[in-house]
Every structure is written in C-alpha cells, then in structure tokens.
Amino acid sequence: MSSTIDVRQGSQPSYAGVRVGVMAVGEHQGVRKARLMIRSDRENKRVDLAAGDTEDLFGVATVTLDEVRPEPGGRGAVTITFRDAGA
C-alpha cells in the first residue's frame, strides 16, 4: 500500500506509527532538498533528502521525497509518498 500527500514545512505527518517532520525546505547549489526528522517510539534520525530520494522508516515503510517547493521568505512544501515495506 502507498499514500502520497502534500506537506508544508513544520508539519509532522505519520505513517505506520512513524512521524516524519518536515523541518526545512529549500534549494542548495541548484538541488531542491528537504530536511526530515523521522521518529518512532524507539528511534529517531534526521536526514537531508533531494527530490527523488527515498529513506527507510525503520523497516516498516519508506518515504520518497517526490517534489520540493521552496517559497521565498516563507515556509515551503513537499510532496511525499509513503510505501509499506516490501511493497
């Protein structure tokens, strides 16, 4: 199963018991990126992903950063897709 959502910077959607906080959205050297804080009840990690990158959610699912939309002087947004592990 998968789920694609649009998320504003500062939001913390969850999937399969894992929260994914969108900490920062921007562009660096021509590459659009987002910094995510990924947290479960037992683990957490901070990752910087470029558009198209995928990150493991502690073995239960993955998150893919589909699109990054920075906003000058404001909070940007991203489109992310969650996929169950093994899907």
PDB file of N, CA and C in Angstrom:
ATOM      1  N   MET A   1       0.841  -1.175   0.000  1.00  0.00           N
ATOM      2  CA  MET A   1       0.000   0.000   0.000  1.00  0.00           C
ATOM      3  C   MET A   1       0.891   1.245   0.000  1.00  0.00           C
ATOM      4  N   SER A   2       0.397   2.316  -0.594  1.00  0.00           N
ATOM      5  CA  SER A   2       1.142   3.572  -0.606  1.00  0.00           C
ATOM      6  C   SER A   2       0.179   4.740  -0.412  1.00  0.00           C
ATOM      7  N   SER A   3       0.759   5.863  -0.026  1.00  0.00           N
ATOM      8  CA  SER A   3      -0.021   7.068   0.208  1.00  0.00           C
ATOM      9  C   SER A   3       0.834   8.278  -0.156  1.00  0.00           C
ATOM     10  N   THR A   4       0.326   9.158  -1.031  1.00  0.00           N
ATOM     11  CA  THR A   4       1.047  10.365  -1.433  1.00  0.00           C
ATOM     12  C   THR A   4       0.322  11.573  -0.877  1.00  0.00           C
ATOM     13  N   ILE A   5       1.098  12.468  -0.223  1.00  0.00           N
ATOM     14  CA  ILE A   5       0.493  13.648   0.396  1.00  0.00           C
ATOM     15  C   ILE A   5       1.363  14.878   0.158  1.00  0.00           C
ATOM     16  N   ASP A   6       0.732  16.045   0.209  1.00  0.00           N
ATOM     17  CA  ASP A   6       1.435  17.327   0.211  1.00  0.00           C
ATOM     18  C   ASP A   6       1.572  17.774   1.655  1.00  0.00           C
ATOM     19  N   VAL A   7       2.768  18.256   2.009  1.00  0.00           N
ATOM     20  CA  VAL A   7       3.051  18.610   3.397  1.00  0.00           C
ATOM     21  C   VAL A   7       3.789  19.943   3.441  1.00  0.00           C
ATOM     22  N   ARG A   8       3.338  20.848   4.295  1.00  0.00           N
ATOM     23  CA  ARG A   8       4.008  22.139   4.485  1.00  0.00           C
ATOM     24  C   ARG A   8       5.143  21.985   5.490  1.00  0.00           C
ATOM     25  N   GLN A   9       6.160  22.805   5.341  1.00  0.00           N
ATOM     26  CA  GLN A   9       7.253  22.841   6.309  1.00  0.00           C
ATOM     27  C   GLN A   9       6.673  23.102   7.698  1.00  0.00           C
ATOM     28  N   GLY A  10       7.142  22.348   8.682  1.00  0.00           N
ATOM     29  CA  GLY A  10       6.643  22.472  10.048  1.00  0.00           C
ATOM     30  C   GLY A  10       5.616  21.405  10.396  1.00  0.00           C
ATOM     31  N   SER A  11       5.120  20.678   9.407  1.00  0.00           N
ATOM     32  CA  SER A  11       4.136  19.618   9.639  1.00  0.00           C
ATOM     33  C   SER A  11       4.825  18.312  10.009  1.00  0.00           C
ATOM     34  N   GLN A  12       4.068  17.404  10.661  1.00  0.00           N
ATOM     35  CA  GLN A  12       4.585  16.100  11.077  1.00  0.00           C
ATOM     36  C   GLN A  12       3.582  14.990  10.765  1.00  0.00           C
ATOM     37  N   PRO A  13       3.437  14.632   9.500  1.00  0.00           N
ATOM     38  CA  PRO A  13       2.531  13.519   9.202  1.00  0.00           C
ATOM     39  C   PRO A  13       3.102  12.210   9.744  1.00  0.00           C
ATOM     40  N   SER A  14       2.236  11.220   9.938  1.00  0.00           N
ATOM     41  CA  SER A  14       2.720   9.914  10.403  1.00  0.00           C
ATOM     42  C   SER A  14       2.197   8.823   9.483  1.00  0.00           C
ATOM     43  N   TYR A  15       2.962   7.720   9.460  1.00  0.00           N
ATOM     44  CA  TYR A  15       2.601   6.572   8.645  1.00  0.00           C
ATOM     45  C   TYR A  15       3.152   5.337   9.335  1.00  0.00           C
ATOM     46  N   ALA A  16       2.336   4.342   9.517  1.00  0.00           N
ATOM     47  CA  ALA A  16       2.736   3.071  10.149  1.00  0.00           C
ATOM     48  C   ALA A  16       3.418   3.299  11.494  1.00  0.00           C
ATOM     49  N   GLY A  17       2.929   4.285  12.238  1.00  0.00           N
ATOM     50  CA  GLY A  17       3.473   4.561  13.569  1.00  0.00           C
ATOM     51  C   GLY A  17       4.760   5.359  13.583  1.00  0.00           C
ATOM     52  N   VAL A  18       5.181   5.884  12.438  1.00  0.00           N
ATOM     53  CA  VAL A  18       6.407   6.680  12.353  1.00  0.00           C
ATOM     54  C   VAL A  18       6.026   8.101  11.943  1.00  0.00           C
ATOM     55  N   ARG A  19       6.509   9.100  12.708  1.00  0.00           N
ATOM     56  CA  ARG A  19       6.270  10.507  12.395  1.00  0.00           C
ATOM     57  C   ARG A  19       7.394  11.026  11.500  1.00  0.00           C
ATOM     58  N   VAL A  20       7.032  11.831  10.511  1.00  0.00           N
ATOM     59  CA  VAL A  20       8.010  12.424   9.600  1.00  0.00           C
ATOM     60  C   VAL A  20       7.812  13.930   9.633  1.00  0.00           C
ATOM     61  N   GLY A  21       8.677  14.612  10.362  1.00  0.00           N
ATOM     62  CA  GLY A  21       8.595  16.062  10.474  1.00  0.00           C
ATOM     63  C   GLY A  21       9.362  16.732   9.356  1.00  0.00           C
ATOM     64  N   VAL A  22       8.738  17.689   8.691  1.00  0.00           N
ATOM     65  CA  VAL A  22       9.393  18.451   7.629  1.00  0.00           C
ATOM     66  C   VAL A  22       9.995  19.692   8.285  1.00  0.00           C
ATOM     67  N   MET A  23      11.315  19.642   8.522  1.00  0.00           N
ATOM     68  CA  MET A  23      11.996  20.695   9.273  1.00  0.00           C
ATOM     69  C   MET A  23      12.402  21.890   8.400  1.00  0.00           C
ATOM     70  N   ALA A  24      12.871  21.615   7.182  1.00  0.00           N
ATOM     71  CA  ALA A  24      13.353  22.685   6.310  1.00  0.00           C
ATOM     72  C   ALA A  24      13.124  22.286   4.857  1.00  0.00           C
ATOM     73  N   VAL A  25      12.826  23.285   4.043  1.00  0.00           N
ATOM     74  CA  VAL A  25      12.610  23.086   2.605  1.00  0.00           C
ATOM     75  C   VAL A  25      13.391  24.169   1.887  1.00  0.00           C
ATOM     76  N   GLY A  26      14.216  23.789   0.907  1.00  0.00           N
ATOM     77  CA  GLY A  26      14.979  24.805   0.206  1.00  0.00           C
ATOM     78  C   GLY A  26      15.717  24.270  -1.003  1.00  0.00           C
ATOM     79  N   GLU A  27      16.604  25.131  -1.504  1.00  0.00           N
ATOM     80  CA  GLU A  27      17.409  24.777  -2.659  1.00  0.00           C
ATOM     81  C   GLU A  27      18.859  25.117  -2.333  1.00  0.00           C
ATOM     82  N   HIS A  28      19.762  24.178  -2.598  1.00  0.00           N
ATOM     83  CA  HIS A  28      21.182  24.382  -2.346  1.00  0.00           C
ATOM     84  C   HIS A  28      21.962  23.955  -3.573  1.00  0.00           C
ATOM     85  N   GLN A  29      22.710  24.871  -4.152  1.00  0.00           N
ATOM     86  CA  GLN A  29      23.503  24.629  -5.355  1.00  0.00           C
ATOM     87  C   GLN A  29      22.653  24.009  -6.471  1.00  0.00           C
ATOM     88  N   GLY A  30      21.449  24.542  -6.630  1.00  0.00           N
ATOM     89  CA  GLY A  30      20.568  24.109  -7.702  1.00  0.00           C
ATOM     90  C   GLY A  30      19.802  22.828  -7.439  1.00  0.00           C
ATOM     91  N   VAL A  31      19.963  22.248  -6.249  1.00  0.00           N
ATOM     92  CA  VAL A  31      19.276  20.998  -5.910  1.00  0.00           C
ATOM     93  C   VAL A  31      18.229  21.293  -4.844  1.00  0.00           C
ATOM     94  N   ARG A  32      16.989  20.941  -5.137  1.00  0.00           N
ATOM     95  CA  ARG A  32      15.913  21.138  -4.154  1.00  0.00           C
ATOM     96  C   ARG A  32      15.946  20.008  -3.145  1.00  0.00           C
ATOM     97  N   LYS A  33      15.924  20.395  -1.849  1.00  0.00           N
ATOM     98  CA  LYS A  33      16.074  19.425  -0.764  1.00  0.00           C
ATOM     99  C   LYS A  33      15.106  19.722   0.366  1.00  0.00           C
ATOM    100  N   ALA A  34      14.954  18.733   1.226  1.00  0.00           N
ATOM    101  CA  ALA A  34      14.184  18.905   2.455  1.00  0.00           C
ATOM    102  C   ALA A  34      14.905  18.159   3.578  1.00  0.00           C
ATOM    103  N   ARG A  35      14.873  18.742   4.758  1.00  0.00           N
ATOM    104  CA  ARG A  35      15.406  18.083   5.961  1.00  0.00           C
ATOM    105  C   ARG A  35      14.216  17.493   6.712  1.00  0.00           C
ATOM    106  N   LEU A  36      14.283  16.186   6.958  1.00  0.00           N
ATOM    107  CA  LEU A  36      13.209  15.479   7.648  1.00  0.00           C
ATOM    108  C   LEU A  36      13.708  14.924   8.970  1.00  0.00           C
ATOM    109  N   MET A  37      12.866  14.988   9.995  1.00  0.00           N
ATOM    110  CA  MET A  37      13.127  14.323  11.272  1.00  0.00           C
ATOM    111  C   MET A  37      12.170  13.142  11.330  1.00  0.00           C
ATOM    112  N   ILE A  38      12.734  11.947  11.370  1.00  0.00           N
ATOM    113  CA  ILE A  38      11.949  10.713  11.336  1.00  0.00           C
ATOM    114  C   ILE A  38      11.985  10.096  12.722  1.00  0.00           C
ATOM    115  N   ARG A  39      10.799   9.854  13.318  1.00  0.00           N
ATOM    116  CA  ARG A  39      10.729   9.394  14.710  1.00  0.00           C
ATOM    117  C   ARG A  39       9.722   8.267  14.878  1.00  0.00           C
ATOM    118  N   SER A  40      10.169   7.248  15.610  1.00  0.00           N
ATOM    119  CA  SER A  40       9.245   6.211  16.067  1.00  0.00           C
ATOM    120  C   SER A  40       9.269   6.270  17.592  1.00  0.00           C
ATOM    121  N   ASP A  41       8.604   5.342  18.251  1.00  0.00           N
ATOM    122  CA  ASP A  41       8.628   5.316  19.714  1.00  0.00           C
ATOM    123  C   ASP A  41      10.008   4.978  20.263  1.00  0.00           C
ATOM    124  N   ARG A  42      10.825   4.287  19.460  1.00  0.00           N
ATOM    125  CA  ARG A  42      12.129   3.832  19.941  1.00  0.00           C
ATOM    126  C   ARG A  42      13.328   4.455  19.258  1.00  0.00           C
ATOM    127  N   GLU A  43      13.140   5.023  18.064  1.00  0.00           N
ATOM    128  CA  GLU A  43      14.269   5.525  17.286  1.00  0.00           C
ATOM    129  C   GLU A  43      13.947   6.868  16.667  1.00  0.00           C
ATOM    130  N   ASN A  44      15.003   7.612  16.307  1.00  0.00           N
ATOM    131  CA  ASN A  44      14.812   8.824  15.525  1.00  0.00           C
ATOM    132  C   ASN A  44      16.073   9.099  14.724  1.00  0.00           C
ATOM    133  N   LYS A  45      15.891   9.812  13.622  1.00  0.00           N
ATOM    134  CA  LYS A  45      17.020  10.210  12.791  1.00  0.00           C
ATOM    135  C   LYS A  45      16.644  11.444  11.992  1.00  0.00           C
ATOM    136  N   ARG A  46      17.659  12.237  11.671  1.00  0.00           N
ATOM    137  CA  ARG A  46      17.479  13.422  10.840  1.00  0.00           C
ATOM    138  C   ARG A  46      18.171  13.147   9.515  1.00  0.00           C
ATOM    139  N   VAL A  47      17.467  13.406   8.408  1.00  0.00           N
ATOM    140  CA  VAL A  47      18.023  13.157   7.077  1.00  0.00           C
ATOM    141  C   VAL A  47      17.763  14.351   6.170  1.00  0.00           C
ATOM    142  N   ASP A  48      18.687  14.573   5.252  1.00  0.00           N
ATOM    143  CA  ASP A  48      18.517  15.565   4.195  1.00  0.00           C
ATOM    144  C   ASP A  48      18.316  14.794   2.895  1.00  0.00           C
ATOM    145  N   LEU A  49      17.191  15.013   2.246  1.00  0.00           N
ATOM    146  CA  LEU A  49      16.875  14.302   1.010  1.00  0.00           C
ATOM    147  C   LEU A  49      16.710  15.287  -0.139  1.00  0.00           C
ATOM    148  N   ALA A  50      17.178  14.893  -1.311  1.00  0.00           N
ATOM    149  CA  ALA A  50      16.928  15.646  -2.535  1.00  0.00           C
ATOM    150  C   ALA A  50      15.669  15.065  -3.183  1.00  0.00           C
ATOM    151  N   ALA A  51      15.035  15.852  -4.030  1.00  0.00           N
ATOM    152  CA  ALA A  51      13.853  15.362  -4.737  1.00  0.00           C
ATOM    153  C   ALA A  51      14.199  14.062  -5.455  1.00  0.00           C
ATOM    154  N   GLY A  52      13.368  13.034  -5.248  1.00  0.00           N
ATOM    155  CA  GLY A  52      13.579  11.715  -5.839  1.00  0.00           C
ATOM    156  C   GLY A  52      14.203  10.710  -4.892  1.00  0.00           C
ATOM    157  N   ASP A  53      14.781  11.172  -3.783  1.00  0.00           N
ATOM    158  CA  ASP A  53      15.408  10.273  -2.801  1.00  0.00           C
ATOM    159  C   ASP A  53      14.361   9.538  -1.973  1.00  0.00           C
ATOM    160  N   THR A  54      14.746   8.335  -1.505  1.00  0.00           N
ATOM    161  CA  THR A  54      13.890   7.511  -0.644  1.00  0.00           C
ATOM    162  C   THR A  54      14.649   7.182   0.627  1.00  0.00           C
ATOM    163  N   GLU A  55      13.929   7.155   1.755  1.00  0.00           N
ATOM    164  CA  GLU A  55      14.523   6.829   3.053  1.00  0.00           C
ATOM    165  C   GLU A  55      13.696   5.759   3.751  1.00  0.00           C
ATOM    166  N   ASP A  56      14.380   4.849   4.427  1.00  0.00           N
ATOM    167  CA  ASP A  56      13.744   3.785   5.195  1.00  0.00           C
ATOM    168  C   ASP A  56      13.122   4.345   6.476  1.00  0.00           C
ATOM    169  N   LEU A  57      11.946   3.870   6.819  1.00  0.00           N
ATOM    170  CA  LEU A  57      11.271   4.248   8.069  1.00  0.00           C
ATOM    171  C   LEU A  57      11.357   3.084   9.045  1.00  0.00           C
ATOM    172  N   PHE A  58      12.580   2.796   9.474  1.00  0.00           N
ATOM    173  CA  PHE A  58      12.859   1.782  10.498  1.00  0.00           C
ATOM    174  C   PHE A  58      12.292   0.407  10.157  1.00  0.00           C
ATOM    175  N   GLY A  59      12.299   0.074   8.863  1.00  0.00           N
ATOM    176  CA  GLY A  59      11.896  -1.253   8.425  1.00  0.00           C
ATOM    177  C   GLY A  59      10.409  -1.475   8.219  1.00  0.00           C
ATOM    178  N   VAL A  60       9.572  -0.502   8.607  1.00  0.00           N
ATOM    179  CA  VAL A  60       8.124  -0.695   8.459  1.00  0.00           C
ATOM    180  C   VAL A  60       7.577  -0.105   7.158  1.00  0.00           C
ATOM    181  N   ALA A  61       8.311   0.862   6.594  1.00  0.00           N
ATOM    182  CA  ALA A  61       7.869   1.546   5.377  1.00  0.00           C
ATOM    183  C   ALA A  61       9.038   2.361   4.836  1.00  0.00           C
ATOM    184  N   THR A  62       8.781   3.042   3.715  1.00  0.00           N
ATOM    185  CA  THR A  62       9.742   4.008   3.180  1.00  0.00           C
ATOM    186  C   THR A  62       9.007   5.309   2.900  1.00  0.00           C
ATOM    187  N   VAL A  63       9.788   6.387   2.805  1.00  0.00           N
ATOM    188  CA  VAL A  63       9.244   7.675   2.391  1.00  0.00           C
ATOM    189  C   VAL A  63      10.088   8.163   1.227  1.00  0.00           C
ATOM    190  N   THR A  64       9.417   8.616   0.162  1.00  0.00           N
ATOM    191  CA  THR A  64      10.093   9.173  -1.005  1.00  0.00           C
ATOM    192  C   THR A  64       9.740  10.645  -1.115  1.00  0.00           C
ATOM    193  N   LEU A  65      10.756  11.468  -1.297  1.00  0.00           N
ATOM    194  CA  LEU A  65      10.556  12.902  -1.490  1.00  0.00           C
ATOM    195  C   LEU A  65      10.319  13.133  -2.980  1.00  0.00           C
ATOM    196  N   ASP A  66       9.053  13.249  -3.364  1.00  0.00           N
ATOM    197  CA  ASP A  66       8.683  13.363  -4.773  1.00  0.00           C
ATOM    198  C   ASP A  66       8.950  14.747  -5.350  1.00  0.00           C
ATOM    199  N   GLU A  67       8.585  15.775  -4.598  1.00  0.00           N
ATOM    200  CA  GLU A  67       8.698  17.144  -5.095  1.00  0.00           C
ATOM    201  C   GLU A  67       9.004  18.079  -3.937  1.00  0.00           C
ATOM    202  N   VAL A  68       9.817  19.087  -4.206  1.00  0.00           N
ATOM    203  CA  VAL A  68      10.172  20.100  -3.216  1.00  0.00           C
ATOM    204  C   VAL A  68       9.797  21.460  -3.786  1.00  0.00           C
ATOM    205  N   ARG A  69       9.021  22.232  -3.008  1.00  0.00           N
ATOM    206  CA  ARG A  69       8.570  23.543  -3.459  1.00  0.00           C
ATOM    207  C   ARG A  69       8.961  24.606  -2.439  1.00  0.00           C
ATOM    208  N   PRO A  70      10.197  25.161  -2.564  1.00  0.00           N
ATOM    209  CA  PRO A  70      10.595  26.237  -1.649  1.00  0.00           C
ATOM    210  C   PRO A  70       9.761  27.490  -1.909  1.00  0.00           C
ATOM    211  N   GLU A  71       9.596  28.297  -0.885  1.00  0.00           N
ATOM    212  CA  GLU A  71       8.896  29.572  -1.034  1.00  0.00           C
ATOM    213  C   GLU A  71       9.782  30.670  -0.484  1.00  0.00           C
ATOM    214  N   PRO A  72      10.083  31.689  -1.293  1.00  0.00           N
ATOM    215  CA  PRO A  72      10.920  32.779  -0.811  1.00  0.00           C
ATOM    216  C   PRO A  72      10.281  33.470   0.392  1.00  0.00           C
ATOM    217  N   GLY A  73      11.050  33.586   1.466  1.00  0.00           N
ATOM    218  CA  GLY A  73      10.575  34.275   2.658  1.00  0.00           C
ATOM    219  C   GLY A  73       9.459  33.574   3.400  1.00  0.00           C
ATOM    220  N   GLY A  74       9.205  32.320   3.104  1.00  0.00           N
ATOM    221  CA  GLY A  74       8.122  31.617   3.781  1.00  0.00           C
ATOM    222  C   GLY A  74       8.397  30.138   3.899  1.00  0.00           C
ATOM    223  N   ARG A  75       7.407  29.445   4.376  1.00  0.00           N
ATOM    224  CA  ARG A  75       7.534  28.001   4.534  1.00  0.00           C
ATOM    225  C   ARG A  75       7.224  27.307   3.225  1.00  0.00           C
ATOM    226  N   GLY A  76       8.129  26.451   2.815  1.00  0.00           N
ATOM    227  CA  GLY A  76       7.923  25.694   1.594  1.00  0.00           C
ATOM    228  C   GLY A  76       7.039  24.492   1.846  1.00  0.00           C
ATOM    229  N   ALA A  77       6.939  23.660   0.823  1.00  0.00           N
ATOM    230  CA  ALA A  77       6.118  22.459   0.915  1.00  0.00           C
ATOM    231  C   ALA A  77       6.782  21.340   0.120  1.00  0.00           C
ATOM    232  N   VAL A  78       6.395  20.127   0.423  1.00  0.00           N
ATOM    233  CA  VAL A  78       6.912  18.957  -0.283  1.00  0.00           C
ATOM    234  C   VAL A  78       5.759  18.017  -0.602  1.00  0.00           C
ATOM    235  N   THR A  79       5.977  17.160  -1.570  1.00  0.00           N
ATOM    236  CA  THR A  79       5.087  16.039  -1.825  1.00  0.00           C
ATOM    237  C   THR A  79       5.879  14.789  -1.486  1.00  0.00           C
ATOM    238  N   ILE A  80       5.312  13.941  -0.625  1.00  0.00           N
ATOM    239  CA  ILE A  80       5.999  12.716  -0.221  1.00  0.00           C
ATOM    240  C   ILE A  80       5.078  11.512  -0.449  1.00  0.00           C
ATOM    241  N   THR A  81       5.722  10.382  -0.693  1.00  0.00           N
ATOM    242  CA  THR A  81       4.972   9.127  -0.842  1.00  0.00           C
ATOM    243  C   THR A  81       5.484   8.128   0.161  1.00  0.00           C
ATOM    244  N   PHE A  82       4.561   7.601   0.969  1.00  0.00           N
ATOM    245  CA  PHE A  82       4.868   6.514   1.910  1.00  0.00           C
ATOM    246  C   PHE A  82       4.538   5.199   1.224  1.00  0.00           C
ATOM    247  N   ARG A  83       5.392   4.198   1.417  1.00  0.00           N
ATOM    248  CA  ARG A  83       5.128   2.846   0.893  1.00  0.00           C
ATOM    249  C   ARG A  83       5.424   1.833   1.991  1.00  0.00           C
ATOM    250  N   ASP A  84       4.531   0.867   2.141  1.00  0.00           N
ATOM    251  CA  ASP A  84       4.784  -0.193   3.111  1.00  0.00           C
ATOM    252  C   ASP A  84       6.047  -0.953   2.732  1.00  0.00           C
ATOM    253  N   ALA A  85       6.766  -1.450   3.725  1.00  0.00           N
ATOM    254  CA  ALA A  85       7.965  -2.244   3.469  1.00  0.00           C
ATOM    255  C   ALA A  85       7.599  -3.457   2.627  1.00  0.00           C
ATOM    256  N   GLY A  86       8.412  -3.745   1.629  1.00  0.00           N
ATOM    257  CA  GLY A  86       8.150  -4.875   0.765  1.00  0.00           C
ATOM    258  C   GLY A  86       7.157  -4.630  -0.341  1.00  0.00           C
ATOM    259  N   ALA A  87       6.599  -3.407  -0.392  1.00  0.00           N
ATOM    260  CA  ALA A  87       5.603  -3.093  -1.436  1.00  0.00           C
ATOM    261  C   ALA A  87       6.275  -2.634  -2.700  1.00  0.00           C
TER     262      ALA A  87
END
